[in-house]
Amino acid sequence: MDEFLADNASEPTGEKSRFFSDFKTKGIRSEALLQGEREVVILHNEEMYRLMVTKNNKLILQK
């Protein structure tokens, strides 16, 4: 489970913790990426992507 969480993220409890434990791929919480912002730019293979939080608190990734 620790592989899923960022260093300073709190561990989820209850139903969500069982869901997260099923992941085999390393993950990171959106809070760790966004760091209090509503939008961040991610550079991947020299391309820029925007990760945004919507009014409905959903994530959108745009190229």
N, C-alpha and C. Protein backbone atom coordinates (compact mmCIF):
# COMPACT_ATOMS: atom_id res chain seq x y z
N MET A 1 0.82 -1.20 0.00
CA MET A 1 0.00 0.00 0.00
C MET A 1 0.86 1.25 0.00
N ASP A 2 2.02 1.21 0.67
CA ASP A 2 2.86 2.40 0.75
C ASP A 2 3.34 2.86 -0.62
N GLU A 3 3.46 1.91 -1.58
CA GLU A 3 3.90 2.30 -2.91
C GLU A 3 2.91 3.24 -3.58
N PHE A 4 1.62 3.12 -3.21
CA PHE A 4 0.61 3.96 -3.84
C PHE A 4 0.63 5.38 -3.32
N LEU A 5 1.04 5.57 -2.09
CA LEU A 5 0.92 6.87 -1.45
C LEU A 5 2.17 7.71 -1.63
N ALA A 6 1.98 9.01 -1.81
CA ALA A 6 3.11 9.94 -1.81
C ALA A 6 3.68 9.98 -0.39
N ASP A 7 4.90 10.43 -0.26
CA ASP A 7 5.58 10.41 1.04
C ASP A 7 4.78 11.05 2.16
N ASN A 8 4.14 12.17 1.89
CA ASN A 8 3.45 12.90 2.96
C ASN A 8 1.93 12.74 2.90
N ALA A 9 1.42 11.80 2.11
CA ALA A 9 -0.02 11.61 2.00
C ALA A 9 -0.51 10.69 3.11
N SER A 10 -1.70 10.95 3.58
CA SER A 10 -2.25 10.08 4.62
C SER A 10 -2.86 8.84 3.96
N GLU A 11 -2.82 7.75 4.67
CA GLU A 11 -3.32 6.49 4.14
C GLU A 11 -4.84 6.48 4.18
N PRO A 12 -5.50 6.06 3.09
CA PRO A 12 -6.96 6.02 3.09
C PRO A 12 -7.47 4.95 4.03
N THR A 13 -8.72 5.09 4.45
CA THR A 13 -9.30 4.12 5.36
C THR A 13 -10.56 3.53 4.75
N GLY A 14 -11.03 2.42 5.30
CA GLY A 14 -12.30 1.83 4.91
C GLY A 14 -12.28 1.25 3.50
N GLU A 15 -13.40 1.44 2.81
CA GLU A 15 -13.61 0.86 1.48
C GLU A 15 -12.54 1.29 0.49
N LYS A 16 -12.15 2.56 0.51
CA LYS A 16 -11.15 3.03 -0.44
C LYS A 16 -9.80 2.37 -0.22
N SER A 17 -9.43 2.08 1.00
CA SER A 17 -8.13 1.45 1.24
C SER A 17 -8.09 0.06 0.61
N ARG A 18 -9.20 -0.68 0.63
CA ARG A 18 -9.24 -1.98 -0.04
C ARG A 18 -9.13 -1.80 -1.54
N PHE A 19 -9.74 -0.77 -2.09
CA PHE A 19 -9.65 -0.50 -3.52
C PHE A 19 -8.21 -0.19 -3.92
N PHE A 20 -7.55 0.70 -3.18
CA PHE A 20 -6.18 1.07 -3.51
C PHE A 20 -5.22 -0.11 -3.40
N SER A 21 -5.47 -1.01 -2.48
CA SER A 21 -4.56 -2.14 -2.29
C SER A 21 -4.58 -3.09 -3.48
N ASP A 22 -5.60 -3.00 -4.33
CA ASP A 22 -5.68 -3.86 -5.51
C ASP A 22 -4.75 -3.43 -6.64
N PHE A 23 -4.25 -2.19 -6.61
CA PHE A 23 -3.39 -1.69 -7.67
C PHE A 23 -2.01 -2.33 -7.59
N LYS A 24 -1.50 -2.76 -8.74
CA LYS A 24 -0.15 -3.31 -8.82
C LYS A 24 0.84 -2.26 -9.31
N THR A 25 0.33 -1.18 -9.88
CA THR A 25 1.15 -0.10 -10.42
C THR A 25 1.33 0.97 -9.36
N LYS A 26 2.51 1.56 -9.29
CA LYS A 26 2.77 2.65 -8.36
C LYS A 26 1.84 3.82 -8.70
N GLY A 27 1.31 4.46 -7.69
CA GLY A 27 0.40 5.58 -7.90
C GLY A 27 0.81 6.79 -7.07
N ILE A 28 0.16 7.90 -7.36
CA ILE A 28 0.40 9.13 -6.61
C ILE A 28 -0.95 9.83 -6.45
N ARG A 29 -1.18 10.42 -5.31
CA ARG A 29 -2.42 11.15 -5.07
C ARG A 29 -2.44 12.44 -5.88
N SER A 30 -3.61 12.82 -6.35
CA SER A 30 -3.74 14.06 -7.12
C SER A 30 -3.28 15.26 -6.29
N GLU A 31 -3.52 15.22 -4.98
CA GLU A 31 -3.10 16.33 -4.11
C GLU A 31 -1.58 16.53 -4.15
N ALA A 32 -0.85 15.44 -4.30
CA ALA A 32 0.61 15.54 -4.36
C ALA A 32 1.05 16.19 -5.68
N LEU A 33 0.34 15.94 -6.75
CA LEU A 33 0.65 16.57 -8.03
C LEU A 33 0.22 18.04 -8.06
N LEU A 34 -0.98 18.31 -7.59
CA LEU A 34 -1.54 19.65 -7.69
C LEU A 34 -1.03 20.60 -6.63
N GLN A 35 -0.65 20.11 -5.47
CA GLN A 35 -0.10 20.92 -4.37
C GLN A 35 -0.93 22.18 -4.11
N GLY A 36 -2.25 22.00 -4.01
CA GLY A 36 -3.13 23.12 -3.68
C GLY A 36 -3.58 23.96 -4.86
N GLU A 37 -3.08 23.69 -6.04
CA GLU A 37 -3.45 24.43 -7.25
C GLU A 37 -4.62 23.74 -7.94
N ARG A 38 -5.30 24.44 -8.83
CA ARG A 38 -6.39 23.85 -9.62
C ARG A 38 -5.88 23.36 -10.98
N GLU A 39 -4.65 23.72 -11.32
CA GLU A 39 -4.10 23.35 -12.63
C GLU A 39 -2.58 23.28 -12.53
N VAL A 40 -2.00 22.26 -13.17
CA VAL A 40 -0.54 22.14 -13.27
C VAL A 40 -0.18 21.73 -14.69
N VAL A 41 1.04 22.02 -15.07
CA VAL A 41 1.56 21.60 -16.37
C VAL A 41 2.50 20.43 -16.14
N ILE A 42 2.32 19.39 -16.97
CA ILE A 42 3.17 18.20 -16.89
C ILE A 42 3.94 18.10 -18.20
N LEU A 43 5.25 17.97 -18.10
CA LEU A 43 6.10 17.81 -19.28
C LEU A 43 6.38 16.32 -19.45
N HIS A 44 5.99 15.77 -20.61
CA HIS A 44 6.19 14.35 -20.91
C HIS A 44 6.69 14.23 -22.34
N ASN A 45 7.87 13.63 -22.51
CA ASN A 45 8.47 13.47 -23.85
C ASN A 45 8.51 14.80 -24.61
N GLU A 46 8.92 15.85 -23.91
CA GLU A 46 9.04 17.19 -24.49
C GLU A 46 7.70 17.78 -24.95
N GLU A 47 6.59 17.19 -24.52
CA GLU A 47 5.26 17.72 -24.80
C GLU A 47 4.66 18.23 -23.50
N MET A 48 3.89 19.32 -23.58
CA MET A 48 3.27 19.88 -22.39
C MET A 48 1.81 19.44 -22.31
N TYR A 49 1.40 19.03 -21.12
CA TYR A 49 0.02 18.63 -20.83
C TYR A 49 -0.46 19.43 -19.64
N ARG A 50 -1.76 19.76 -19.62
CA ARG A 50 -2.35 20.47 -18.50
C ARG A 50 -3.26 19.52 -17.74
N LEU A 51 -3.03 19.39 -16.45
CA LEU A 51 -3.90 18.63 -15.57
C LEU A 51 -4.73 19.63 -14.79
N MET A 52 -6.06 19.55 -14.94
CA MET A 52 -6.93 20.55 -14.34
C MET A 52 -8.01 19.88 -13.50
N VAL A 53 -8.47 20.59 -12.46
CA VAL A 53 -9.60 20.16 -11.65
C VAL A 53 -10.80 20.99 -12.10
N THR A 54 -11.91 20.31 -12.41
CA THR A 54 -13.11 21.01 -12.87
C THR A 54 -13.93 21.54 -11.69
N LYS A 55 -14.99 22.27 -12.02
CA LYS A 55 -15.92 22.76 -11.00
C LYS A 55 -16.53 21.61 -10.22
N ASN A 56 -16.70 20.47 -10.87
CA ASN A 56 -17.30 19.29 -10.24
C ASN A 56 -16.25 18.39 -9.58
N ASN A 57 -15.04 18.93 -9.42
CA ASN A 57 -13.93 18.24 -8.76
C ASN A 57 -13.49 16.97 -9.51
N LYS A 58 -13.57 17.00 -10.83
CA LYS A 58 -13.07 15.91 -11.68
C LYS A 58 -11.74 16.36 -12.29
N LEU A 59 -10.95 15.39 -12.73
CA LEU A 59 -9.67 15.72 -13.36
C LEU A 59 -9.78 15.65 -14.86
N ILE A 60 -9.13 16.60 -15.54
CA ILE A 60 -9.05 16.62 -17.00
C ILE A 60 -7.57 16.77 -17.36
N LEU A 61 -7.10 15.95 -18.31
CA LEU A 61 -5.75 16.06 -18.83
C LEU A 61 -5.85 16.48 -20.27
N GLN A 62 -5.27 17.65 -20.60
CA GLN A 62 -5.31 18.19 -21.97
C GLN A 62 -3.92 18.29 -22.53
N LYS A 63 -3.80 18.00 -23.82
CA LYS A 63 -2.53 18.18 -24.51
C LYS A 63 -2.50 19.57 -25.10
